Amino acid sequence: MVNTKAKYIKPTAILALDSILSLGVLQALRDRGLSCPESVSLVGFDDAEWAVVTSPPLTVVAQPVYEIGAEAFRLLLRRMQGGNHRPVRKVLPASLVVRESVGAPPDTRH
């Protein structure tokens, strides 16, 4: 049974896992009459070239996408060549690129 008396808690921020989802979130917010970052903050992954021309420009976690793919290929190739290779953990650098899609939570603004 669904509790219809439960209080709905509005999110104050959304983390989109790739650039296409970020674009979809921006569109969904606009469709609902919400503004970013005034109503909800948005952070996406991948620093797509268009992220700076959206309104607002998107805050993103920039990743070395080419290097991630190249390293994944090297590890796959090594596994396909045989041998008893132990799992490998690779950490590649990422950086937060702060733009205008992030603000203070709505209930803390004065």
Protein backbone atom coordinates (compact mmCIF):
# COMPACT_ATOMS: atom_id res chain seq x y z
CA MET A 1 0.00 0.00 0.00
CA VAL A 2 1.30 3.45 -0.90
CA ASN A 3 1.44 6.02 1.89
CA THR A 4 -0.30 9.01 0.32
CA LYS A 5 0.33 11.15 3.40
CA ALA A 6 4.11 10.86 3.19
CA LYS A 7 5.85 14.21 2.82
CA TYR A 8 7.60 14.69 -0.51
CA ILE A 9 11.14 15.98 -0.08
CA LYS A 10 12.28 18.06 -3.03
CA PRO A 11 15.86 17.45 -4.12
CA THR A 12 18.23 20.40 -3.93
CA ALA A 13 20.81 18.93 -6.30
CA ILE A 14 21.06 16.37 -9.09
CA LEU A 15 24.18 14.50 -10.21
CA ALA A 16 23.83 13.36 -13.83
CA LEU A 17 26.13 10.52 -14.80
CA ASP A 18 26.93 11.74 -18.32
CA SER A 19 26.55 14.78 -20.53
CA ILE A 20 23.43 13.55 -22.33
CA LEU A 21 21.65 12.96 -19.00
CA SER A 22 22.71 16.46 -17.90
CA LEU A 23 21.03 17.92 -20.95
CA GLY A 24 17.92 15.85 -20.24
CA VAL A 25 17.81 17.07 -16.64
CA LEU A 26 18.05 20.71 -17.79
CA GLN A 27 15.15 20.13 -20.19
CA ALA A 28 13.06 18.33 -17.55
CA LEU A 29 13.62 21.18 -15.09
CA ARG A 30 12.51 23.74 -17.68
CA ASP A 31 9.47 21.63 -18.60
CA ARG A 32 8.41 21.78 -14.95
CA GLY A 33 9.00 25.50 -14.61
CA LEU A 34 12.06 25.06 -12.39
CA SER A 35 15.27 27.01 -12.77
CA CYS A 36 18.82 25.90 -12.31
CA PRO A 37 20.48 26.61 -9.88
CA GLU A 38 17.75 28.61 -8.10
CA SER A 39 15.41 25.60 -7.72
CA VAL A 40 17.93 22.78 -7.97
CA SER A 41 21.67 22.53 -8.61
CA LEU A 42 23.02 20.32 -11.37
CA VAL A 43 26.42 18.66 -11.74
CA GLY A 44 27.21 16.39 -14.66
CA PHE A 45 30.01 14.07 -15.68
CA ASP A 46 32.02 14.63 -18.84
CA ASP A 47 32.90 18.12 -19.95
CA ALA A 48 31.13 18.14 -23.30
CA GLU A 49 32.01 21.06 -25.56
CA TRP A 50 28.44 22.35 -25.37
CA ALA A 51 28.39 22.46 -21.54
CA VAL A 52 29.59 26.07 -21.59
CA VAL A 53 26.83 27.28 -23.94
CA THR A 54 23.84 25.92 -22.03
CA SER A 55 21.89 28.26 -19.80
CA PRO A 56 23.24 28.11 -17.20
CA PRO A 57 26.70 26.79 -18.14
CA LEU A 58 27.04 23.35 -16.52
CA THR A 59 29.25 22.48 -13.59
CA VAL A 60 30.89 19.15 -14.46
CA VAL A 61 33.30 16.51 -13.30
CA ALA A 62 35.78 16.45 -16.18
CA GLN A 63 37.28 13.05 -16.87
CA PRO A 64 40.06 11.97 -19.21
CA VAL A 65 37.62 10.11 -21.47
CA TYR A 66 40.16 9.14 -24.14
CA GLU A 67 42.62 7.84 -21.53
CA ILE A 68 39.87 5.83 -19.79
CA GLY A 69 39.01 4.10 -23.07
CA ALA A 70 42.65 3.51 -23.99
CA GLU A 71 43.46 2.02 -20.58
CA ALA A 72 40.35 -0.20 -20.69
CA PHE A 73 41.45 -1.44 -24.11
CA ARG A 74 44.99 -2.19 -22.89
CA LEU A 75 43.64 -4.18 -19.94
CA LEU A 76 41.19 -6.08 -22.14
CA LEU A 77 43.90 -6.89 -24.67
CA ARG A 78 46.18 -8.16 -21.89
CA ARG A 79 43.41 -10.43 -20.60
CA MET A 80 42.63 -11.73 -24.09
CA GLN A 81 46.30 -12.62 -24.63
CA GLY A 82 46.03 -15.08 -21.78
CA GLY A 83 47.93 -15.59 -18.59
CA ASN A 84 46.83 -15.32 -15.04
CA HIS A 85 46.57 -11.58 -14.52
CA ARG A 86 45.37 -10.16 -11.23
CA PRO A 87 42.69 -7.48 -11.26
CA VAL A 88 44.13 -4.01 -11.76
CA ARG A 89 42.90 -0.81 -10.16
CA LYS A 90 43.73 2.32 -12.13
CA VAL A 91 42.90 5.79 -10.90
CA LEU A 92 42.92 8.50 -13.52
CA PRO A 93 42.64 12.18 -12.63
CA ALA A 94 39.31 13.97 -12.66
CA SER A 95 38.57 17.58 -11.85
CA LEU A 96 35.57 19.63 -10.85
CA VAL A 97 34.86 22.44 -13.32
CA VAL A 98 32.64 24.90 -11.47
CA ARG A 99 30.30 26.91 -13.64
CA GLU A 100 26.87 28.42 -12.99
CA SER A 101 24.59 25.39 -12.53
CA VAL A 102 25.34 25.03 -8.82
CA GLY A 103 24.12 27.25 -6.01
CA ALA A 104 23.25 27.15 -2.32
CA PRO A 105 20.26 24.94 -1.44
CA PRO A 106 17.00 26.91 -1.79
CA ASP A 107 16.12 26.77 1.93
CA THR A 108 19.44 28.43 2.90
CA ARG A 109 19.13 31.48 0.62
CA HIS A 110 18.18 34.79 2.18
